[in-house]
Amino acid sequence: MCPQITIILKHENSVVHVKIRMNTKLGEVYAAFCTHKALAIDNVMFLFGGRPIPPDDTAESLGLVDGDEIFAMIDQVGNEESEEEEETVGNGQGRVKRRRVTTLGGRVV
């Protein structure tokens, strides 16, 4: 029998404790969490240690232990209104195009 741990999923001001087996793909946990919180899974990024966690990873592959916290962050890429600017700059070895997209919310992508 595979050992179990309890992980903590945090989103904004809510905390959800989830008991999982070490070999459970975290994508299953993500889907259940998003359904519970009425979130679109395509718009949520799950982070552990500040890094995104792919849905195929398991608690075992990440080395998670009982009580570890995973943060659910809403991915806010793009808005209806955005500005794009492109400039060409020299880098000493040729010219490079640099593109900046600023969304209405101010996030630079």
PDB file of N, CA and C in Angstrom:
ATOM      1  N   MET A   1       0.840  -1.189   0.000  1.00  0.00           N
ATOM      2  CA  MET A   1       0.000   0.000   0.000  1.00  0.00           C
ATOM      3  C   MET A   1       0.885   1.253   0.000  1.00  0.00           C
ATOM      4  N   CYS A   2       0.556   2.180  -0.835  1.00  0.00           N
ATOM      5  CA  CYS A   2       1.354   3.399  -0.983  1.00  0.00           C
ATOM      6  C   CYS A   2       1.089   4.338   0.200  1.00  0.00           C
ATOM      7  N   PRO A   3       2.146   4.930   0.774  1.00  0.00           N
ATOM      8  CA  PRO A   3       1.946   5.857   1.892  1.00  0.00           C
ATOM      9  C   PRO A   3       1.142   7.090   1.478  1.00  0.00           C
ATOM     10  N   GLN A   4       0.495   7.723   2.437  1.00  0.00           N
ATOM     11  CA  GLN A   4      -0.297   8.923   2.198  1.00  0.00           C
ATOM     12  C   GLN A   4       0.273  10.092   2.981  1.00  0.00           C
ATOM     13  N   ILE A   5       0.067  11.287   2.427  1.00  0.00           N
ATOM     14  CA  ILE A   5       0.406  12.524   3.126  1.00  0.00           C
ATOM     15  C   ILE A   5      -0.759  13.491   2.967  1.00  0.00           C
ATOM     16  N   THR A   6      -0.764  14.511   3.800  1.00  0.00           N
ATOM     17  CA  THR A   6      -1.735  15.592   3.663  1.00  0.00           C
ATOM     18  C   THR A   6      -0.988  16.818   3.159  1.00  0.00           C
ATOM     19  N   ILE A   7      -1.448  17.353   2.015  1.00  0.00           N
ATOM     20  CA  ILE A   7      -0.867  18.592   1.495  1.00  0.00           C
ATOM     21  C   ILE A   7      -1.890  19.703   1.694  1.00  0.00           C
ATOM     22  N   ILE A   8      -1.406  20.918   1.680  1.00  0.00           N
ATOM     23  CA  ILE A   8      -2.264  22.080   1.893  1.00  0.00           C
ATOM     24  C   ILE A   8      -2.281  22.896   0.605  1.00  0.00           C
ATOM     25  N   LEU A   9      -3.479  23.094   0.066  1.00  0.00           N
ATOM     26  CA  LEU A   9      -3.646  23.925  -1.123  1.00  0.00           C
ATOM     27  C   LEU A   9      -4.169  25.283  -0.682  1.00  0.00           C
ATOM     28  N   LYS A  10      -3.496  26.341  -1.095  1.00  0.00           N
ATOM     29  CA  LYS A  10      -3.891  27.696  -0.722  1.00  0.00           C
ATOM     30  C   LYS A  10      -4.238  28.494  -1.969  1.00  0.00           C
ATOM     31  N   HIS A  11      -5.351  29.223  -1.858  1.00  0.00           N
ATOM     32  CA  HIS A  11      -5.775  30.115  -2.935  1.00  0.00           C
ATOM     33  C   HIS A  11      -6.431  31.322  -2.284  1.00  0.00           C
ATOM     34  N   GLU A  12      -5.866  32.495  -2.522  1.00  0.00           N
ATOM     35  CA  GLU A  12      -6.329  33.731  -1.906  1.00  0.00           C
ATOM     36  C   GLU A  12      -6.420  33.525  -0.393  1.00  0.00           C
ATOM     37  N   ASN A  13      -7.597  33.634   0.190  1.00  0.00           N
ATOM     38  CA  ASN A  13      -7.726  33.490   1.647  1.00  0.00           C
ATOM     39  C   ASN A  13      -8.233  32.122   2.075  1.00  0.00           C
ATOM     40  N   SER A  14      -8.279  31.168   1.156  1.00  0.00           N
ATOM     41  CA  SER A  14      -8.803  29.852   1.518  1.00  0.00           C
ATOM     42  C   SER A  14      -7.681  28.820   1.605  1.00  0.00           C
ATOM     43  N   VAL A  15      -7.906  27.846   2.480  1.00  0.00           N
ATOM     44  CA  VAL A  15      -6.955  26.771   2.708  1.00  0.00           C
ATOM     45  C   VAL A  15      -7.721  25.457   2.633  1.00  0.00           C
ATOM     46  N   VAL A  16      -7.204  24.524   1.837  1.00  0.00           N
ATOM     47  CA  VAL A  16      -7.839  23.207   1.705  1.00  0.00           C
ATOM     48  C   VAL A  16      -6.788  22.147   2.004  1.00  0.00           C
ATOM     49  N   HIS A  17      -7.096  21.262   2.948  1.00  0.00           N
ATOM     50  CA  HIS A  17      -6.216  20.142   3.284  1.00  0.00           C
ATOM     51  C   HIS A  17      -6.658  18.938   2.461  1.00  0.00           C
ATOM     52  N   VAL A  18      -5.708  18.308   1.771  1.00  0.00           N
ATOM     53  CA  VAL A  18      -6.018  17.189   0.893  1.00  0.00           C
ATOM     54  C   VAL A  18      -5.106  16.018   1.248  1.00  0.00           C
ATOM     55  N   LYS A  19      -5.711  14.867   1.520  1.00  0.00           N
ATOM     56  CA  LYS A  19      -4.937  13.656   1.769  1.00  0.00           C
ATOM     57  C   LYS A  19      -4.776  12.920   0.449  1.00  0.00           C
ATOM     58  N   ILE A  20      -3.512  12.651   0.079  1.00  0.00           N
ATOM     59  CA  ILE A  20      -3.233  11.982  -1.186  1.00  0.00           C
ATOM     60  C   ILE A  20      -2.217  10.863  -0.976  1.00  0.00           C
ATOM     61  N   ARG A  21      -2.212   9.924  -1.919  1.00  0.00           N
ATOM     62  CA  ARG A  21      -1.161   8.916  -1.959  1.00  0.00           C
ATOM     63  C   ARG A  21       0.058   9.535  -2.633  1.00  0.00           C
ATOM     64  N   MET A  22       1.210   9.047  -2.282  1.00  0.00           N
ATOM     65  CA  MET A  22       2.455   9.599  -2.824  1.00  0.00           C
ATOM     66  C   MET A  22       2.562   9.426  -4.343  1.00  0.00           C
ATOM     67  N   ASN A  23       1.861   8.431  -4.922  1.00  0.00           N
ATOM     68  CA  ASN A  23       1.968   8.202  -6.356  1.00  0.00           C
ATOM     69  C   ASN A  23       0.791   8.775  -7.146  1.00  0.00           C
ATOM     70  N   THR A  24      -0.080   9.561  -6.499  1.00  0.00           N
ATOM     71  CA  THR A  24      -1.203  10.200  -7.185  1.00  0.00           C
ATOM     72  C   THR A  24      -0.689  11.352  -8.051  1.00  0.00           C
ATOM     73  N   LYS A  25      -1.099  11.375  -9.308  1.00  0.00           N
ATOM     74  CA  LYS A  25      -0.726  12.505 -10.167  1.00  0.00           C
ATOM     75  C   LYS A  25      -1.434  13.754  -9.651  1.00  0.00           C
ATOM     76  N   LEU A  26      -0.673  14.817  -9.514  1.00  0.00           N
ATOM     77  CA  LEU A  26      -1.234  16.041  -8.938  1.00  0.00           C
ATOM     78  C   LEU A  26      -2.289  16.682  -9.819  1.00  0.00           C
ATOM     79  N   GLY A  27      -2.324  16.341 -11.093  1.00  0.00           N
ATOM     80  CA  GLY A  27      -3.376  16.833 -11.983  1.00  0.00           C
ATOM     81  C   GLY A  27      -4.758  16.441 -11.486  1.00  0.00           C
ATOM     82  N   GLU A  28      -4.875  15.259 -10.876  1.00  0.00           N
ATOM     83  CA  GLU A  28      -6.154  14.829 -10.301  1.00  0.00           C
ATOM     84  C   GLU A  28      -6.550  15.725  -9.135  1.00  0.00           C
ATOM     85  N   VAL A  29      -5.571  16.096  -8.340  1.00  0.00           N
ATOM     86  CA  VAL A  29      -5.816  16.996  -7.202  1.00  0.00           C
ATOM     87  C   VAL A  29      -6.212  18.373  -7.723  1.00  0.00           C
ATOM     88  N   TYR A  30      -5.509  18.858  -8.746  1.00  0.00           N
ATOM     89  CA  TYR A  30      -5.816  20.169  -9.327  1.00  0.00           C
ATOM     90  C   TYR A  30      -7.250  20.218  -9.839  1.00  0.00           C
ATOM     91  N   ALA A  31      -7.658  19.169 -10.553  1.00  0.00           N
ATOM     92  CA  ALA A  31      -9.009  19.135 -11.125  1.00  0.00           C
ATOM     93  C   ALA A  31     -10.063  19.176 -10.022  1.00  0.00           C
ATOM     94  N   ALA A  32      -9.869  18.390  -8.966  1.00  0.00           N
ATOM     95  CA  ALA A  32     -10.832  18.369  -7.853  1.00  0.00           C
ATOM     96  C   ALA A  32     -10.868  19.718  -7.149  1.00  0.00           C
ATOM     97  N   PHE A  33      -9.702  20.325  -6.942  1.00  0.00           N
ATOM     98  CA  PHE A  33      -9.623  21.629  -6.273  1.00  0.00           C
ATOM     99  C   PHE A  33     -10.349  22.693  -7.090  1.00  0.00           C
ATOM    100  N   CYS A  34     -10.086  22.720  -8.394  1.00  0.00           N
ATOM    101  CA  CYS A  34     -10.712  23.730  -9.251  1.00  0.00           C
ATOM    102  C   CYS A  34     -12.224  23.541  -9.322  1.00  0.00           C
ATOM    103  N   THR A  35     -12.685  22.304  -9.340  1.00  0.00           N
ATOM    104  CA  THR A  35     -14.125  22.039  -9.321  1.00  0.00           C
ATOM    105  C   THR A  35     -14.718  22.539  -8.011  1.00  0.00           C
ATOM    106  N   HIS A  36     -14.060  22.235  -6.893  1.00  0.00           N
ATOM    107  CA  HIS A  36     -14.522  22.651  -5.565  1.00  0.00           C
ATOM    108  C   HIS A  36     -14.600  24.174  -5.442  1.00  0.00           C
ATOM    109  N   LYS A  37     -13.638  24.865  -6.026  1.00  0.00           N
ATOM    110  CA  LYS A  37     -13.563  26.333  -5.926  1.00  0.00           C
ATOM    111  C   LYS A  37     -14.208  27.046  -7.112  1.00  0.00           C
ATOM    112  N   ALA A  38     -14.787  26.296  -8.047  1.00  0.00           N
ATOM    113  CA  ALA A  38     -15.420  26.853  -9.249  1.00  0.00           C
ATOM    114  C   ALA A  38     -14.428  27.709 -10.047  1.00  0.00           C
ATOM    115  N   LEU A  39     -13.232  27.170 -10.238  1.00  0.00           N
ATOM    116  CA  LEU A  39     -12.196  27.838 -11.021  1.00  0.00           C
ATOM    117  C   LEU A  39     -11.981  27.091 -12.328  1.00  0.00           C
ATOM    118  N   ALA A  40     -11.639  27.808 -13.371  1.00  0.00           N
ATOM    119  CA  ALA A  40     -11.294  27.179 -14.642  1.00  0.00           C
ATOM    120  C   ALA A  40      -9.859  26.683 -14.553  1.00  0.00           C
ATOM    121  N   ILE A  41      -9.675  25.374 -14.645  1.00  0.00           N
ATOM    122  CA  ILE A  41      -8.345  24.787 -14.447  1.00  0.00           C
ATOM    123  C   ILE A  41      -7.305  25.347 -15.419  1.00  0.00           C
ATOM    124  N   ASP A  42      -7.743  25.752 -16.608  1.00  0.00           N
ATOM    125  CA  ASP A  42      -6.810  26.310 -17.592  1.00  0.00           C
ATOM    126  C   ASP A  42      -6.252  27.667 -17.168  1.00  0.00           C
ATOM    127  N   ASN A  43      -6.902  28.315 -16.197  1.00  0.00           N
ATOM    128  CA  ASN A  43      -6.473  29.639 -15.741  1.00  0.00           C
ATOM    129  C   ASN A  43      -5.757  29.612 -14.401  1.00  0.00           C
ATOM    130  N   VAL A  44      -5.477  28.404 -13.885  1.00  0.00           N
ATOM    131  CA  VAL A  44      -4.846  28.290 -12.574  1.00  0.00           C
ATOM    132  C   VAL A  44      -3.475  27.646 -12.709  1.00  0.00           C
ATOM    133  N   MET A  45      -2.493  28.238 -12.046  1.00  0.00           N
ATOM    134  CA  MET A  45      -1.146  27.682 -12.011  1.00  0.00           C
ATOM    135  C   MET A  45      -0.875  27.253 -10.567  1.00  0.00           C
ATOM    136  N   PHE A  46      -0.347  26.047 -10.398  1.00  0.00           N
ATOM    137  CA  PHE A  46      -0.051  25.531  -9.067  1.00  0.00           C
ATOM    138  C   PHE A  46       1.450  25.603  -8.845  1.00  0.00           C
ATOM    139  N   LEU A  47       1.843  26.188  -7.710  1.00  0.00           N
ATOM    140  CA  LEU A  47       3.250  26.435  -7.416  1.00  0.00           C
ATOM    141  C   LEU A  47       3.679  25.748  -6.127  1.00  0.00           C
ATOM    142  N   PHE A  48       4.876  25.181  -6.147  1.00  0.00           N
ATOM    143  CA  PHE A  48       5.503  24.643  -4.947  1.00  0.00           C
ATOM    144  C   PHE A  48       6.930  25.169  -4.930  1.00  0.00           C
ATOM    145  N   GLY A  49       7.302  25.820  -3.858  1.00  0.00           N
ATOM    146  CA  GLY A  49       8.631  26.413  -3.786  1.00  0.00           C
ATOM    147  C   GLY A  49       8.841  27.494  -4.825  1.00  0.00           C
ATOM    148  N   GLY A  50       7.748  28.157  -5.231  1.00  0.00           N
ATOM    149  CA  GLY A  50       7.830  29.230  -6.207  1.00  0.00           C
ATOM    150  C   GLY A  50       7.904  28.765  -7.651  1.00  0.00           C
ATOM    151  N   ARG A  51       7.853  27.453  -7.877  1.00  0.00           N
ATOM    152  CA  ARG A  51       7.945  26.913  -9.237  1.00  0.00           C
ATOM    153  C   ARG A  51       6.649  26.227  -9.635  1.00  0.00           C
ATOM    154  N   PRO A  52       6.269  26.353 -10.904  1.00  0.00           N
ATOM    155  CA  PRO A  52       5.059  25.667 -11.374  1.00  0.00           C
ATOM    156  C   PRO A  52       5.219  24.149 -11.302  1.00  0.00           C
ATOM    157  N   ILE A  53       4.131  23.472 -10.984  1.00  0.00           N
ATOM    158  CA  ILE A  53       4.139  22.014 -10.889  1.00  0.00           C
ATOM    159  C   ILE A  53       3.301  21.442 -12.032  1.00  0.00           C
ATOM    160  N   PRO A  54       3.908  20.660 -12.919  1.00  0.00           N
ATOM    161  CA  PRO A  54       3.136  20.024 -13.995  1.00  0.00           C
ATOM    162  C   PRO A  54       2.133  19.012 -13.424  1.00  0.00           C
ATOM    163  N   PRO A  55       1.006  18.819 -14.093  1.00  0.00           N
ATOM    164  CA  PRO A  55      -0.023  17.907 -13.584  1.00  0.00           C
ATOM    165  C   PRO A  55       0.399  16.443 -13.554  1.00  0.00           C
ATOM    166  N   ASP A  56       1.431  16.068 -14.299  1.00  0.00           N
ATOM    167  CA  ASP A  56       1.884  14.672 -14.287  1.00  0.00           C
ATOM    168  C   ASP A  56       2.811  14.353 -13.120  1.00  0.00           C
ATOM    169  N   ASP A  57       3.270  15.373 -12.399  1.00  0.00           N
ATOM    170  CA  ASP A  57       4.123  15.134 -11.235  1.00  0.00           C
ATOM    171  C   ASP A  57       3.320  14.504 -10.104  1.00  0.00           C
ATOM    172  N   THR A  58       4.029  13.824  -9.209  1.00  0.00           N
ATOM    173  CA  THR A  58       3.414  13.221  -8.029  1.00  0.00           C
ATOM    174  C   THR A  58       4.085  13.792  -6.787  1.00  0.00           C
ATOM    175  N   ALA A  59       3.489  13.542  -5.637  1.00  0.00           N
ATOM    176  CA  ALA A  59       4.098  13.969  -4.376  1.00  0.00           C
ATOM    177  C   ALA A  59       5.471  13.318  -4.222  1.00  0.00           C
ATOM    178  N   GLU A  60       5.564  12.075  -4.641  1.00  0.00           N
ATOM    179  CA  GLU A  60       6.823  11.340  -4.544  1.00  0.00           C
ATOM    180  C   GLU A  60       7.894  11.958  -5.432  1.00  0.00           C
ATOM    181  N   SER A  61       7.548  12.276  -6.684  1.00  0.00           N
ATOM    182  CA  SER A  61       8.537  12.825  -7.617  1.00  0.00           C
ATOM    183  C   SER A  61       9.028  14.206  -7.182  1.00  0.00           C
ATOM    184  N   LEU A  62       8.182  14.937  -6.460  1.00  0.00           N
ATOM    185  CA  LEU A  62       8.568  16.272  -5.975  1.00  0.00           C
ATOM    186  C   LEU A  62       9.216  16.233  -4.600  1.00  0.00           C
ATOM    187  N   GLY A  63       9.131  15.086  -3.940  1.00  0.00           N
ATOM    188  CA  GLY A  63       9.671  14.977  -2.587  1.00  0.00           C
ATOM    189  C   GLY A  63       8.816  15.680  -1.544  1.00  0.00           C
ATOM    190  N   LEU A  64       7.499  15.756  -1.804  1.00  0.00           N
ATOM    191  CA  LEU A  64       6.600  16.412  -0.854  1.00  0.00           C
ATOM    192  C   LEU A  64       6.521  15.608   0.433  1.00  0.00           C
ATOM    193  N   VAL A  65       6.350  16.316   1.530  1.00  0.00           N
ATOM    194  CA  VAL A  65       6.162  15.688   2.833  1.00  0.00           C
ATOM    195  C   VAL A  65       4.862  16.193   3.440  1.00  0.00           C
ATOM    196  N   ASP A  66       4.411  15.519   4.458  1.00  0.00           N
ATOM    197  CA  ASP A  66       3.170  15.872   5.138  1.00  0.00           C
ATOM    198  C   ASP A  66       3.179  17.350   5.546  1.00  0.00           C
ATOM    199  N   GLY A  67       2.153  18.083   5.151  1.00  0.00           N
ATOM    200  CA  GLY A  67       2.027  19.488   5.527  1.00  0.00           C
ATOM    201  C   GLY A  67       2.595  20.477   4.520  1.00  0.00           C
ATOM    202  N   ASP A  68       3.192  19.997   3.431  1.00  0.00           N
ATOM    203  CA  ASP A  68       3.711  20.923   2.421  1.00  0.00           C
ATOM    204  C   ASP A  68       2.562  21.721   1.802  1.00  0.00           C
ATOM    205  N   GLU A  69       2.876  22.952   1.408  1.00  0.00           N
ATOM    206  CA  GLU A  69       1.870  23.857   0.858  1.00  0.00           C
ATOM    207  C   GLU A  69       2.076  24.057  -0.637  1.00  0.00           C
ATOM    208  N   ILE A  70       0.978  23.987  -1.373  1.00  0.00           N
ATOM    209  CA  ILE A  70       0.960  24.270  -2.801  1.00  0.00           C
ATOM    210  C   ILE A  70       0.037  25.466  -2.997  1.00  0.00           C
ATOM    211  N   PHE A  71       0.501  26.437  -3.742  1.00  0.00           N
ATOM    212  CA  PHE A  71      -0.265  27.656  -3.951  1.00  0.00           C
ATOM    213  C   PHE A  71      -0.934  27.631  -5.320  1.00  0.00           C
ATOM    214  N   ALA A  72      -2.212  27.938  -5.353  1.00  0.00           N
ATOM    215  CA  ALA A  72      -2.975  28.039  -6.598  1.00  0.00           C
ATOM    216  C   ALA A  72      -3.067  29.514  -6.965  1.00  0.00           C
ATOM    217  N   MET A  73      -2.497  29.866  -8.100  1.00  0.00           N
ATOM    218  CA  MET A  73      -2.486  31.253  -8.549  1.00  0.00           C
ATOM    219  C   MET A  73      -3.268  31.371  -9.846  1.00  0.00           C
ATOM    220  N   ILE A  74      -4.120  32.386  -9.917  1.00  0.00           N
ATOM    221  CA  ILE A  74      -4.852  32.645 -11.156  1.00  0.00           C
ATOM    222  C   ILE A  74      -3.874  33.233 -12.160  1.00  0.00           C
ATOM    223  N   ASP A  75      -3.784  32.619 -13.320  1.00  0.00           N
ATOM    224  CA  ASP A  75      -2.912  33.091 -14.395  1.00  0.00           C
ATOM    225  C   ASP A  75      -3.652  34.176 -15.155  1.00  0.00           C
ATOM    226  N   GLN A  76      -3.183  35.412 -15.061  1.00  0.00           N
ATOM    227  CA  GLN A  76      -3.875  36.547 -15.665  1.00  0.00           C
ATOM    228  C   GLN A  76      -3.109  37.066 -16.863  1.00  0.00           C
ATOM    229  N   VAL A  77      -3.060  36.270 -17.886  1.00  0.00           N
ATOM    230  CA  VAL A  77      -2.359  36.676 -19.105  1.00  0.00           C
ATOM    231  C   VAL A  77      -3.371  37.250 -20.078  1.00  0.00           C
ATOM    232  N   GLY A  78      -3.117  38.457 -20.498  1.00  0.00           N
ATOM    233  CA  GLY A  78      -3.942  39.090 -21.523  1.00  0.00           C
ATOM    234  C   GLY A  78      -5.229  39.680 -21.007  1.00  0.00           C
ATOM    235  N   ASN A  79      -5.616  40.756 -21.579  1.00  0.00           N
ATOM    236  CA  ASN A  79      -6.887  41.425 -21.358  1.00  0.00           C
ATOM    237  C   ASN A  79      -7.393  41.854 -22.718  1.00  0.00           C
ATOM    238  N   GLU A  80      -8.612  42.332 -22.753  1.00  0.00           N
ATOM    239  CA  GLU A  80      -9.148  42.781 -24.033  1.00  0.00           C
ATOM    240  C   GLU A  80      -8.367  43.960 -24.578  1.00  0.00           C
ATOM    241  N   GLU A  81      -7.886  44.814 -23.687  1.00  0.00           N
ATOM    242  CA  GLU A  81      -7.134  45.974 -24.135  1.00  0.00           C
ATOM    243  C   GLU A  81      -5.662  45.762 -23.804  1.00  0.00           C
ATOM    244  N   SER A  82      -4.816  45.922 -24.780  1.00  0.00           N
ATOM    245  CA  SER A  82      -3.389  45.808 -24.532  1.00  0.00           C
ATOM    246  C   SER A  82      -2.640  46.688 -25.513  1.00  0.00           C
ATOM    247  N   GLU A  83      -1.410  46.973 -25.148  1.00  0.00           N
ATOM    248  CA  GLU A  83      -0.551  47.757 -26.017  1.00  0.00           C
ATOM    249  C   GLU A  83       0.637  46.894 -26.393  1.00  0.00           C
ATOM    250  N   GLU A  84       1.086  47.016 -27.625  1.00  0.00           N
ATOM    251  CA  GLU A  84       2.278  46.309 -28.060  1.00  0.00           C
ATOM    252  C   GLU A  84       3.246  47.334 -28.619  1.00  0.00           C
ATOM    253  N   GLU A  85       4.501  47.164 -28.280  1.00  0.00           N
ATOM    254  CA  GLU A  85       5.521  48.002 -28.895  1.00  0.00           C
ATOM    255  C   GLU A  85       6.709  47.119 -29.230  1.00  0.00           C
ATOM    256  N   GLU A  86       7.348  47.438 -30.323  1.00  0.00           N
ATOM    257  CA  GLU A  86       8.482  46.647 -30.763  1.00  0.00           C
ATOM    258  C   GLU A  86       9.585  47.615 -31.114  1.00  0.00           C
ATOM    259  N   GLU A  87      10.792  47.287 -30.696  1.00  0.00           N
ATOM    260  CA  GLU A  87      11.921  48.141 -31.032  1.00  0.00           C
ATOM    261  C   GLU A  87      13.081  47.260 -31.472  1.00  0.00           C
ATOM    262  N   THR A  88      13.933  47.814 -32.289  1.00  0.00           N
ATOM    263  CA  THR A  88      15.121  47.104 -32.729  1.00  0.00           C
ATOM    264  C   THR A  88      16.318  47.764 -32.067  1.00  0.00           C
ATOM    265  N   VAL A  89      17.118  46.941 -31.395  1.00  0.00           N
ATOM    266  CA  VAL A  89      18.280  47.477 -30.688  1.00  0.00           C
ATOM    267  C   VAL A  89      19.523  46.733 -31.150  1.00  0.00           C
ATOM    268  N   GLY A  90      20.661  47.410 -31.066  1.00  0.00           N
ATOM    269  CA  GLY A  90      21.931  46.777 -31.409  1.00  0.00           C
ATOM    270  C   GLY A  90      22.531  46.131 -30.176  1.00  0.00           C
ATOM    271  N   ASN A  91      23.156  44.975 -30.364  1.00  0.00           N
ATOM    272  CA  ASN A  91      23.775  44.306 -29.223  1.00  0.00           C
ATOM    273  C   ASN A  91      25.269  44.074 -29.458  1.00  0.00           C
ATOM    274  N   GLY A  92      25.840  44.758 -30.407  1.00  0.00           N
ATOM    275  CA  GLY A  92      27.256  44.604 -30.695  1.00  0.00           C
ATOM    276  C   GLY A  92      27.550  43.480 -31.686  1.00  0.00           C
ATOM    277  N   GLN A  93      26.643  42.542 -31.829  1.00  0.00           N
ATOM    278  CA  GLN A  93      26.838  41.427 -32.753  1.00  0.00           C
ATOM    279  C   GLN A  93      25.714  41.365 -33.772  1.00  0.00           C
ATOM    280  N   GLY A  94      25.020  42.428 -33.922  1.00  0.00           N
ATOM    281  CA  GLY A  94      23.890  42.451 -34.843  1.00  0.00           C
ATOM    282  C   GLY A  94      22.725  43.154 -34.186  1.00  0.00           C
ATOM    283  N   ARG A  95      21.594  43.053 -34.813  1.00  0.00           N
ATOM    284  CA  ARG A  95      20.438  43.750 -34.294  1.00  0.00           C
ATOM    285  C   ARG A  95      19.441  42.733 -33.764  1.00  0.00           C
ATOM    286  N   VAL A  96      18.777  43.095 -32.675  1.00  0.00           N
ATOM    287  CA  VAL A  96      17.821  42.206 -32.016  1.00  0.00           C
ATOM    288  C   VAL A  96      16.503  42.936 -31.868  1.00  0.00           C
ATOM    289  N   LYS A  97      15.418  42.261 -32.168  1.00  0.00           N
ATOM    290  CA  LYS A  97      14.103  42.853 -31.944  1.00  0.00           C
ATOM    291  C   LYS A  97      13.645  42.504 -30.539  1.00  0.00           C
ATOM    292  N   ARG A  98      13.131  43.495 -29.848  1.00  0.00           N
ATOM    293  CA  ARG A  98      12.611  43.292 -28.504  1.00  0.00           C
ATOM    294  C   ARG A  98      11.151  43.714 -28.516  1.00  0.00           C
ATOM    295  N   ARG A  99      10.296  42.855 -28.008  1.00  0.00           N
ATOM    296  CA  ARG A  99       8.856  43.113 -28.036  1.00  0.00           C
ATOM    297  C   ARG A  99       8.345  43.182 -26.612  1.00  0.00           C
ATOM    298  N   ARG A 100       7.515  44.150 -26.329  1.00  0.00           N
ATOM    299  CA  ARG A 100       6.924  44.299 -25.006  1.00  0.00           C
ATOM    300  C   ARG A 100       5.419  44.423 -25.172  1.00  0.00           C
ATOM    301  N   VAL A 101       4.686  43.630 -24.406  1.00  0.00           N
ATOM    302  CA  VAL A 101       3.230  43.698 -24.410  1.00  0.00           C
ATOM    303  C   VAL A 101       2.796  44.076 -23.005  1.00  0.00           C
ATOM    304  N   THR A 102       2.061  45.155 -22.882  1.00  0.00           N
ATOM    305  CA  THR A 102       1.577  45.594 -21.594  1.00  0.00           C
ATOM    306  C   THR A 102       0.064  45.442 -21.589  1.00  0.00           C
ATOM    307  N   THR A 103      -0.461  44.682 -20.643  1.00  0.00           N
ATOM    308  CA  THR A 103      -1.900  44.500 -20.576  1.00  0.00           C
ATOM    309  C   THR A 103      -2.528  45.638 -19.797  1.00  0.00           C
ATOM    310  N   LEU A 104      -3.838  45.709 -19.839  1.00  0.00           N
ATOM    311  CA  LEU A 104      -4.568  46.755 -19.152  1.00  0.00           C
ATOM    312  C   LEU A 104      -4.261  46.743 -17.658  1.00  0.00           C
ATOM    313  N   GLY A 105      -4.079  45.556 -17.088  1.00  0.00           N
ATOM    314  CA  GLY A 105      -3.765  45.446 -15.663  1.00  0.00           C
ATOM    315  C   GLY A 105      -2.356  45.873 -15.318  1.00  0.00           C
ATOM    316  N   GLY A 106      -1.539  46.163 -16.299  1.00  0.00           N
ATOM    317  CA  GLY A 106      -0.200  46.658 -16.034  1.00  0.00           C
ATOM    318  C   GLY A 106       0.866  45.573 -16.047  1.00  0.00           C
ATOM    319  N   ARG A 107       0.485  44.317 -16.173  1.00  0.00           N
ATOM    320  CA  ARG A 107       1.473  43.246 -16.191  1.00  0.00           C
ATOM    321  C   ARG A 107       2.177  43.207 -17.535  1.00  0.00           C
ATOM    322  N   VAL A 108       3.485  43.188 -17.523  1.00  0.00           N
ATOM    323  CA  VAL A 108       4.262  43.167 -18.753  1.00  0.00           C
ATOM    324  C   VAL A 108       4.566  41.724 -19.078  1.00  0.00           C
ATOM    325  N   VAL A 109       4.238  41.329 -20.303  1.00  0.00           N
ATOM    326  CA  VAL A 109       4.449  39.947 -20.727  1.00  0.00           C
ATOM    327  C   VAL A 109       5.549  39.904 -21.756  1.00  0.00           C
TER     328      VAL A 109
END
